[in-house]
C-alpha atoms as a PDB file:
ATOM      1  CA  MET A   1     158.428 205.640 321.563  1.00  0.00           C
ATOM      2  CA  GLU A   2     156.010 207.202 319.076  1.00  0.00           C
ATOM      3  CA  ALA A   3     157.273 207.724 315.536  1.00  0.00           C
ATOM      4  CA  TRP A   4     157.094 211.526 315.863  1.00  0.00           C
ATOM      5  CA  GLN A   5     159.342 211.361 318.928  1.00  0.00           C
ATOM      6  CA  ARG A   6     162.074 209.666 316.904  1.00  0.00           C
ATOM      7  CA  LEU A   7     162.174 212.478 314.356  1.00  0.00           C
ATOM      8  CA  ALA A   8     164.683 215.208 315.025  1.00  0.00           C
ATOM      9  CA  PRO A   9     164.060 218.851 314.073  1.00  0.00           C
ATOM     10  CA  PRO A  10     166.027 219.823 310.955  1.00  0.00           C
ATOM     11  CA  ASP A  11     168.361 222.154 312.859  1.00  0.00           C
ATOM     12  CA  GLU A  12     168.993 219.853 315.825  1.00  0.00           C
ATOM     13  CA  PRO A  13     172.695 219.263 316.698  1.00  0.00           C
ATOM     14  CA  ALA A  14     173.996 215.833 315.763  1.00  0.00           C
ATOM     15  CA  GLU A  15     174.880 214.923 319.362  1.00  0.00           C
ATOM     16  CA  ILE A  16     171.275 215.475 320.463  1.00  0.00           C
ATOM     17  CA  THR A  17     169.896 213.476 317.557  1.00  0.00           C
ATOM     18  CA  ALA A  18     172.301 210.730 318.629  1.00  0.00           C
ATOM     19  CA  LEU A  19     170.637 210.691 322.055  1.00  0.00           C
ATOM     20  CA  ARG A  20     167.266 210.091 320.408  1.00  0.00           C
ATOM     21  CA  THR A  21     168.775 207.176 318.510  1.00  0.00           C
ATOM     22  CA  ARG A  22     170.211 205.709 321.716  1.00  0.00           C
ATOM     23  CA  VAL A  23     166.773 205.900 323.333  1.00  0.00           C
ATOM     24  CA  THR A  24     165.153 204.116 320.395  1.00  0.00           C
ATOM     25  CA  HIS A  25     167.723 201.300 320.507  1.00  0.00           C
ATOM     26  CA  LEU A  26     167.422 200.978 324.292  1.00  0.00           C
ATOM     27  CA  LEU A  27     163.642 200.670 324.181  1.00  0.00           C
ATOM     28  CA  ASP A  28     163.907 198.116 321.371  1.00  0.00           C
ATOM     29  CA  ASP A  29     166.426 196.100 323.423  1.00  0.00           C
ATOM     30  CA  LEU A  30     164.152 196.216 326.473  1.00  0.00           C
ATOM     31  CA  ALA A  31     161.159 195.048 324.469  1.00  0.00           C
ATOM     32  CA  THR A  32     163.190 192.190 323.003  1.00  0.00           C
ATOM     33  CA  ALA A  33     164.499 191.140 326.412  1.00  0.00           C
ATOM     34  CA  ALA A  34     160.981 191.278 327.857  1.00  0.00           C
ATOM     35  CA  ARG A  35     159.797 188.856 325.159  1.00  0.00           C
ATOM     36  CA  GLU A  36     162.776 186.525 325.353  1.00  0.00           C
ATOM     37  CA  ARG A  37     163.705 186.555 329.029  1.00  0.00           C
ATOM     38  CA  GLY A  38     160.342 186.957 330.704  1.00  0.00           C
ATOM     39  CA  SER A  39     160.698 187.730 334.387  1.00  0.00           C
ATOM     40  CA  ALA A  40     164.171 189.203 333.924  1.00  0.00           C
ATOM     41  CA  VAL A  41     162.415 192.328 332.645  1.00  0.00           C
ATOM     42  CA  GLN A  42     159.420 193.227 334.768  1.00  0.00           C
ATOM     43  CA  HIS A  43     156.711 195.227 333.010  1.00  0.00           C
ATOM     44  CA  LEU A  44     154.963 197.659 335.336  1.00  0.00           C
ATOM     45  CA  VAL A  45     151.576 199.010 334.302  1.00  0.00           C
ATOM     46  CA  GLY A  46     149.919 201.913 336.075  1.00  0.00           C
ATOM     47  CA  LEU A  47     151.310 204.624 338.313  1.00  0.00           C
ATOM     48  CA  ASP A  48     150.638 202.608 341.479  1.00  0.00           C
ATOM     49  CA  ALA A  49     152.819 199.736 340.228  1.00  0.00           C
ATOM     50  CA  VAL A  50     155.598 202.116 339.162  1.00  0.00           C
ATOM     51  CA  VAL A  51     155.605 203.939 342.518  1.00  0.00           C
ATOM     52  CA  LEU A  52     155.528 200.678 344.473  1.00  0.00           C
ATOM     53  CA  GLN A  53     158.584 199.427 342.620  1.00  0.00           C
ATOM     54  CA  MET A  54     160.385 202.720 343.236  1.00  0.00           C
ATOM     55  CA  ARG A  55     159.691 202.377 346.952  1.00  0.00           C
ATOM     56  CA  ARG A  56     161.037 198.830 346.895  1.00  0.00           C
ATOM     57  CA  ILE A  57     164.329 199.576 345.171  1.00  0.00           C
ATOM     58  CA  ALA A  58     165.202 203.145 346.223  1.00  0.00           C
ATOM     59  CA  PRO A  59     166.278 202.196 349.786  1.00  0.00           C
ATOM     60  CA  ALA A  60     168.892 199.861 348.259  1.00  0.00           C
ATOM     61  CA  ALA A  61     170.920 202.794 346.936  1.00  0.00           C
ATOM     62  CA  THR A  62     174.288 203.098 348.642  1.00  0.00           C
ATOM     63  CA  ARG A  63     176.382 204.915 346.009  1.00  0.00           C
ATOM     64  CA  SER A  64     174.302 206.621 343.351  1.00  0.00           C
ATOM     65  CA  VAL A  65     170.813 207.368 342.102  1.00  0.00           C
ATOM     66  CA  TRP A  66     170.712 208.735 338.564  1.00  0.00           C
ATOM     67  CA  VAL A  67     167.369 209.944 337.235  1.00  0.00           C
ATOM     68  CA  MET A  68     166.338 211.211 333.802  1.00  0.00           C
ATOM     69  CA  GLN A  69     162.911 212.863 333.662  1.00  0.00           C
ATOM     70  CA  PRO A  70     161.979 214.729 330.467  1.00  0.00           C
ATOM     71  CA  GLU A  71     158.663 216.062 331.803  1.00  0.00           C
ATOM     72  CA  TYR A  72     158.451 217.066 335.429  1.00  0.00           C
ATOM     73  CA  ALA A  73     155.666 219.013 337.120  1.00  0.00           C
ATOM     74  CA  TYR A  74     155.312 219.792 340.792  1.00  0.00           C
ATOM     75  CA  ASP A  75     153.133 217.374 342.748  1.00  0.00           C
ATOM     76  CA  PRO A  76     152.797 218.059 346.494  1.00  0.00           C
ATOM     77  CA  GLU A  77     152.203 214.337 347.097  1.00  0.00           C
ATOM     78  CA  GLU A  78     155.014 213.005 344.895  1.00  0.00           C
ATOM     79  CA  PRO A  79     156.701 210.023 346.614  1.00  0.00           C
ATOM     80  CA  GLY A  80     159.991 210.621 344.791  1.00  0.00           C
ATOM     81  CA  VAL A  81     160.753 213.653 346.961  1.00  0.00           C
ATOM     82  CA  VAL A  82     160.481 211.563 350.127  1.00  0.00           C
ATOM     83  CA  LEU A  83     162.643 208.824 348.593  1.00  0.00           C
ATOM     84  CA  ALA A  84     165.263 211.369 347.566  1.00  0.00           C
ATOM     85  CA  ARG A  85     165.312 212.805 351.089  1.00  0.00           C
ATOM     86  CA  GLY A  86     165.864 209.306 352.472  1.00  0.00           C
ATOM     87  CA  ALA A  87     168.761 208.761 350.071  1.00  0.00           C
ATOM     88  CA  ARG A  88     170.386 212.008 351.207  1.00  0.00           C
ATOM     89  CA  LEU A  89     170.136 210.902 354.827  1.00  0.00           C
ATOM     90  CA  ARG A  90     172.153 207.812 353.803  1.00  0.00           C
ATOM     91  CA  GLY A  91     174.759 210.008 352.131  1.00  0.00           C
ATOM     92  CA  VAL A  92     173.552 209.415 348.566  1.00  0.00           C
ATOM     93  CA  GLU A  93     172.735 212.568 346.597  1.00  0.00           C
ATOM     94  CA  PRO A  94     170.234 211.805 343.799  1.00  0.00           C
ATOM     95  CA  GLN A  95     171.303 213.235 340.461  1.00  0.00           C
ATOM     96  CA  LEU A  96     168.540 214.460 338.156  1.00  0.00           C
ATOM     97  CA  ILE A  97     168.585 215.464 334.508  1.00  0.00           C
ATOM     98  CA  THR A  98     165.485 217.145 333.122  1.00  0.00           C
ATOM     99  CA  ARG A  99     164.620 219.499 330.293  1.00  0.00           C
ATOM    100  CA  PRO A 100     165.016 223.294 330.618  1.00  0.00           C
ATOM    101  CA  ILE A 101     161.239 223.791 330.311  1.00  0.00           C
ATOM    102  CA  THR A 102     160.929 222.146 333.732  1.00  0.00           C
ATOM    103  CA  VAL A 103     161.715 225.428 335.478  1.00  0.00           C
ATOM    104  CA  ARG A 104     158.271 226.527 334.267  1.00  0.00           C
ATOM    105  CA  THR A 105     156.332 223.348 335.033  1.00  0.00           C
ATOM    106  CA  HIS A 106     158.145 222.817 338.351  1.00  0.00           C
ATOM    107  CA  PRO A 107     159.337 226.163 339.790  1.00  0.00           C
ATOM    108  CA  LEU A 108     160.267 224.515 343.114  1.00  0.00           C
ATOM    109  CA  LEU A 109     162.748 222.169 341.464  1.00  0.00           C
ATOM    110  CA  PRO A 110     165.868 224.307 342.182  1.00  0.00           C
ATOM    111  CA  SER A 111     165.043 224.048 345.886  1.00  0.00           C
ATOM    112  CA  ILE A 112     164.062 220.366 345.922  1.00  0.00           C
ATOM    113  CA  TYR A 113     166.873 219.182 343.627  1.00  0.00           C
ATOM    114  CA  PRO A 114     169.541 221.911 343.727  1.00  0.00           C
ATOM    115  CA  SER A 115     172.033 219.600 341.990  1.00  0.00           C
ATOM    116  CA  ALA A 116     169.679 218.980 339.044  1.00  0.00           C
ATOM    117  CA  ARG A 117     170.960 219.541 335.536  1.00  0.00           C
ATOM    118  CA  LEU A 118     169.003 220.866 332.563  1.00  0.00           C
ATOM    119  CA  GLY A 119     169.486 219.391 329.135  1.00  0.00           C
ATOM    120  CA  PRO A 120     168.183 217.203 326.312  1.00  0.00           C
ATOM    121  CA  THR A 121     166.631 214.068 327.715  1.00  0.00           C
ATOM    122  CA  PHE A 122     164.063 211.886 325.971  1.00  0.00           C
ATOM    123  CA  LEU A 123     163.574 208.989 328.373  1.00  0.00           C
ATOM    124  CA  ARG A 124     162.184 208.475 331.866  1.00  0.00           C
ATOM    125  CA  ALA A 125     164.743 206.328 333.647  1.00  0.00           C
ATOM    126  CA  MET A 126     166.407 205.651 336.982  1.00  0.00           C
ATOM    127  CA  VAL A 127     169.632 203.756 337.659  1.00  0.00           C
ATOM    128  CA  ILE A 128     170.553 202.711 341.193  1.00  0.00           C
ATOM    129  CA  ASP A 129     174.199 201.919 342.004  1.00  0.00           C
ATOM    130  CA  GLY A 130     174.726 200.876 338.374  1.00  0.00           C
ATOM    131  CA  ARG A 131     172.930 197.595 339.107  1.00  0.00           C
ATOM    132  CA  GLN A 132     169.186 198.255 338.845  1.00  0.00           C
ATOM    133  CA  ALA A 133     167.267 200.233 336.255  1.00  0.00           C
ATOM    134  CA  MET A 134     163.724 201.421 335.713  1.00  0.00           C
ATOM    135  CA  VAL A 135     162.891 202.714 332.247  1.00  0.00           C
ATOM    136  CA  GLY A 136     159.680 204.428 331.242  1.00  0.00           C
ATOM    137  CA  GLY A 137     157.696 202.902 328.417  1.00  0.00           C
ATOM    138  CA  PRO A 138     154.853 204.273 326.298  1.00  0.00           C
ATOM    139  CA  ASP A 139     151.496 204.823 327.953  1.00  0.00           C
ATOM    140  CA  ASP A 140     149.058 202.017 327.327  1.00  0.00           C
ATOM    141  CA  ALA A 141     145.798 202.432 325.410  1.00  0.00           C
ATOM    142  CA  ALA A 142     143.991 203.442 328.598  1.00  0.00           C
ATOM    143  CA  GLY A 143     146.535 206.191 329.267  1.00  0.00           C
ATOM    144  CA  GLN A 144     148.287 204.398 332.125  1.00  0.00           C
ATOM    145  CA  ARG A 145     151.982 204.978 332.637  1.00  0.00           C
ATOM    146  CA  THR A 146     154.208 201.959 332.077  1.00  0.00           C
ATOM    147  CA  SER A 147     157.814 201.148 332.980  1.00  0.00           C
ATOM    148  CA  TRP A 148     160.274 198.305 332.749  1.00  0.00           C
ATOM    149  CA  TYR A 149     162.405 197.184 335.672  1.00  0.00           C
ATOM    150  CA  THR A 150     165.502 195.083 335.131  1.00  0.00           C
ATOM    151  CA  THR A 151     168.842 194.053 336.573  1.00  0.00           C
ATOM    152  CA  ILE A 152     170.161 192.568 333.292  1.00  0.00           C
ATOM    153  CA  PRO A 153     173.712 193.989 333.200  1.00  0.00           C
ATOM    154  CA  HIS A 154     173.881 195.052 329.549  1.00  0.00           C
ATOM    155  CA  LEU A 155     170.512 196.839 329.760  1.00  0.00           C
ATOM    156  CA  VAL A 156     171.456 198.631 332.969  1.00  0.00           C
ATOM    157  CA  GLN A 157     174.744 199.578 331.296  1.00  0.00           C
ATOM    158  CA  SER A 158     172.853 200.983 328.296  1.00  0.00           C
ATOM    159  CA  VAL A 159     170.849 203.280 330.573  1.00  0.00           C
ATOM    160  CA  THR A 160     174.052 204.279 332.373  1.00  0.00           C
ATOM    161  CA  ASP A 161     175.755 205.018 329.059  1.00  0.00           C
ATOM    162  CA  LEU A 162     172.794 207.155 327.987  1.00  0.00           C
ATOM    163  CA  TRP A 163     173.114 209.173 331.211  1.00  0.00           C
ATOM    164  CA  ARG A 164     176.841 209.684 330.636  1.00  0.00           C
ATOM    165  CA  ALA A 165     176.246 210.787 327.049  1.00  0.00           C
ATOM    166  CA  THR A 166     173.578 213.259 328.171  1.00  0.00           C
ATOM    167  CA  GLU A 167     175.331 214.844 331.142  1.00  0.00           C
ATOM    168  CA  PRO A 168     177.971 216.814 329.171  1.00  0.00           C
ATOM    169  CA  LEU A 169     175.167 218.476 327.197  1.00  0.00           C
ATOM    170  CA  CYS A 170     173.524 219.821 330.358  1.00  0.00           C
ATOM    171  CA  ARG A 171     173.907 222.875 332.569  1.00  0.00           C
ATOM    172  CA  PRO A 172     173.319 223.185 336.334  1.00  0.00           C
ATOM    173  CA  ILE A 173     169.889 224.364 337.390  1.00  0.00           C
ATOM    174  CA  LEU A 174     171.645 226.702 339.870  1.00  0.00           C
ATOM    175  CA  PRO A 175     174.842 228.622 339.177  1.00  0.00           C
ATOM    176  CA  PRO A 176     177.892 227.274 341.067  1.00  0.00           C
ATOM    177  CA  GLY A 177     177.838 228.351 344.695  1.00  0.00           C
ATOM    178  CA  GLU A 178     174.243 229.570 344.651  1.00  0.00           C
ATOM    179  CA  GLU A 179     172.054 228.359 347.507  1.00  0.00           C
ATOM    180  CA  PRO A 180     168.600 226.852 346.876  1.00  0.00           C
ATOM    181  CA  PRO A 181     165.930 229.595 346.852  1.00  0.00           C
ATOM    182  CA  LEU A 182     163.785 227.912 349.523  1.00  0.00           C
ATOM    183  CA  THR A 183     164.752 226.104 352.710  1.00  0.00           C
ATOM    184  CA  GLU A 184     163.447 222.659 353.656  1.00  0.00           C
ATOM    185  CA  ARG A 185     160.895 224.255 355.992  1.00  0.00           C
ATOM    186  CA  GLN A 186     159.747 226.678 353.327  1.00  0.00           C
ATOM    187  CA  LEU A 187     159.334 223.779 350.916  1.00  0.00           C
ATOM    188  CA  GLU A 188     157.180 221.992 353.450  1.00  0.00           C
ATOM    189  CA  VAL A 189     155.109 225.140 353.925  1.00  0.00           C
ATOM    190  CA  ALA A 190     154.748 225.393 350.128  1.00  0.00           C
ATOM    191  CA  ARG A 191     153.639 221.775 349.939  1.00  0.00           C
ATOM    192  CA  ARG A 192     151.014 222.298 352.615  1.00  0.00           C
ATOM    193  CA  ILE A 193     149.762 225.473 350.930  1.00  0.00           C
ATOM    194  CA  CYS A 194     149.358 223.426 347.765  1.00  0.00           C
ATOM    195  CA  VAL A 195     147.130 220.848 349.493  1.00  0.00           C
ATOM    196  CA  GLY A 196     144.970 223.569 351.031  1.00  0.00           C
ATOM    197  CA  GLU A 197     146.137 223.822 354.653  1.00  0.00           C
ATOM    198  CA  ASP A 198     145.748 227.140 356.469  1.00  0.00           C
ATOM    199  CA  ASP A 199     148.392 228.752 358.675  1.00  0.00           C
ATOM    200  CA  ASP A 200     147.031 227.274 361.903  1.00  0.00           C
ATOM    201  CA  ALA A 201     147.116 223.734 360.506  1.00  0.00           C
ATOM    202  CA  ILE A 202     150.634 224.220 359.138  1.00  0.00           C
ATOM    203  CA  ALA A 203     151.856 225.623 362.454  1.00  0.00           C
ATOM    204  CA  GLU A 204     150.425 222.664 364.332  1.00  0.00           C
ATOM    205  CA  ALA A 205     151.949 220.158 361.902  1.00  0.00           C
ATOM    206  CA  LEU A 206     155.386 221.808 361.985  1.00  0.00           C
ATOM    207  CA  ARG A 207     155.199 222.617 365.705  1.00  0.00           C
ATOM    208  CA  VAL A 208     156.117 226.244 365.205  1.00  0.00           C
ATOM    209  CA  PRO A 209     154.299 229.499 366.064  1.00  0.00           C
ATOM    210  CA  VAL A 210     151.699 230.761 363.610  1.00  0.00           C
ATOM    211  CA  GLU A 211     153.782 233.914 363.199  1.00  0.00           C
ATOM    212  CA  THR A 212     156.658 231.776 361.895  1.00  0.00           C
ATOM    213  CA  VAL A 213     154.356 230.140 359.361  1.00  0.00           C
ATOM    214  CA  GLU A 214     153.014 233.532 358.254  1.00  0.00           C
ATOM    215  CA  ARG A 215     156.579 234.696 357.636  1.00  0.00           C
ATOM    216  CA  GLU A 216     157.437 231.545 355.697  1.00  0.00           C
ATOM    217  CA  VAL A 217     154.270 231.837 353.610  1.00  0.00           C
ATOM    218  CA  ARG A 218     155.314 235.375 352.644  1.00  0.00           C
ATOM    219  CA  ASN A 219     158.773 234.089 351.713  1.00  0.00           C
ATOM    220  CA  VAL A 220     157.266 231.377 349.507  1.00  0.00           C
ATOM    221  CA  LEU A 221     154.909 233.791 347.781  1.00  0.00           C
ATOM    222  CA  ASP A 222     157.716 236.311 347.238  1.00  0.00           C
ATOM    223  CA  GLU A 223     159.946 233.645 345.703  1.00  0.00           C
ATOM    224  CA  LEU A 224     157.179 232.533 343.362  1.00  0.00           C
ATOM    225  CA  GLY A 225     156.133 236.070 342.497  1.00  0.00           C
ATOM    226  CA  ALA A 226     152.605 235.282 343.675  1.00  0.00           C
ATOM    227  CA  ARG A 227     150.104 237.788 345.045  1.00  0.00           C
ATOM    228  CA  SER A 228     147.991 235.222 346.886  1.00  0.00           C
ATOM    229  CA  ARG A 229     148.017 231.630 348.062  1.00  0.00           C
ATOM    230  CA  THR A 230     145.764 230.657 345.174  1.00  0.00           C
ATOM    231  CA  GLU A 231     148.127 232.204 342.660  1.00  0.00           C
ATOM    232  CA  ALA A 232     151.047 230.488 344.400  1.00  0.00           C
ATOM    233  CA  VAL A 233     149.357 227.108 343.924  1.00  0.00           C
ATOM    234  CA  LEU A 234     148.718 227.852 340.251  1.00  0.00           C
ATOM    235  CA  ILE A 235     152.361 228.823 339.747  1.00  0.00           C
ATOM    236  CA  MET A 236     153.638 225.752 341.596  1.00  0.00           C
ATOM    237  CA  ARG A 237     151.457 223.594 339.361  1.00  0.00           C
ATOM    238  CA  GLY A 238     152.898 225.116 336.190  1.00  0.00           C
ATOM    239  CA  ARG A 239     150.575 228.024 335.460  1.00  0.00           C
ATOM    240  CA  GLY A 240     150.915 229.337 331.932  1.00  0.00           C
ATOM    241  CA  VAL A 241     152.868 226.378 330.555  1.00  0.00           C
ATOM    242  CA  ASN A 242     150.379 226.176 327.659  1.00  0.00           C
ATOM    243  CA  GLY A 243     150.740 229.861 326.873  1.00  0.00           C
ATOM    244  CA  GLY A 244     147.655 231.134 328.668  1.00  0.00           C
ATOM    245  CA  TRP A 245     149.486 233.368 331.107  1.00  0.00           C
ATOM    246  CA  ARG A 246     152.376 235.795 331.025  1.00  0.00           C
ATOM    247  CA  ASN A 247     155.735 234.145 330.522  1.00  0.00           C
ATOM    248  CA  THR A 248     157.018 234.762 334.047  1.00  0.00           C
ATOM    249  CA  TYR A 249     159.832 232.207 333.889  1.00  0.00           C
ATOM    250  CA  ALA A 250     161.238 232.954 330.448  1.00  0.00           C
END
């Protein structure tokens, strides 16, 4: 963690500052274990290595998948969505905590992860069944993402404890009883719009009439508040998050 990330704003509540401190201690413990116990803490460098490890361990989940993701933007090719769908088919509902700003950088999140919670989180991490943990590290000098993977009980417990300390400070992304804005089919249509497919290609892939796709495209655009497919893609990809566009999601 960079030094500036450890510093709390002067008006920050004590319980949130305490989360920052927990993160600092956890990362220090991971670094120490990596030096002292070698292969017991696997260092993953580069997005390909991180994704490969996720694909290896995610199918092992039988009880719980807890994820903390401070920064989350929509990616139509993100493998985590497929892994989460597979977990649901096994009866395991992934639980996600992310920051409130995510509803701007990832406007499809309420439909993809309707059980997500919004709150103060400062660490990328995933805990599976309380036995395996992946924890995000600092990017390397080349800008590659890094993570640690471990099954050391006290380190996995530290990540679990951080989750449990964070959860009470969060709120649901959807009000109780509210249905996700988009259906699974509409999400798939949105994904295919984002990668540039036209209605005919989407209809063929989904094995539905073109008229059905046209209707679903309109539903997606209406939900996003977009006037065109191009604008829909921009919104899905976090348009205006740097202040260059009207604050649609405030």
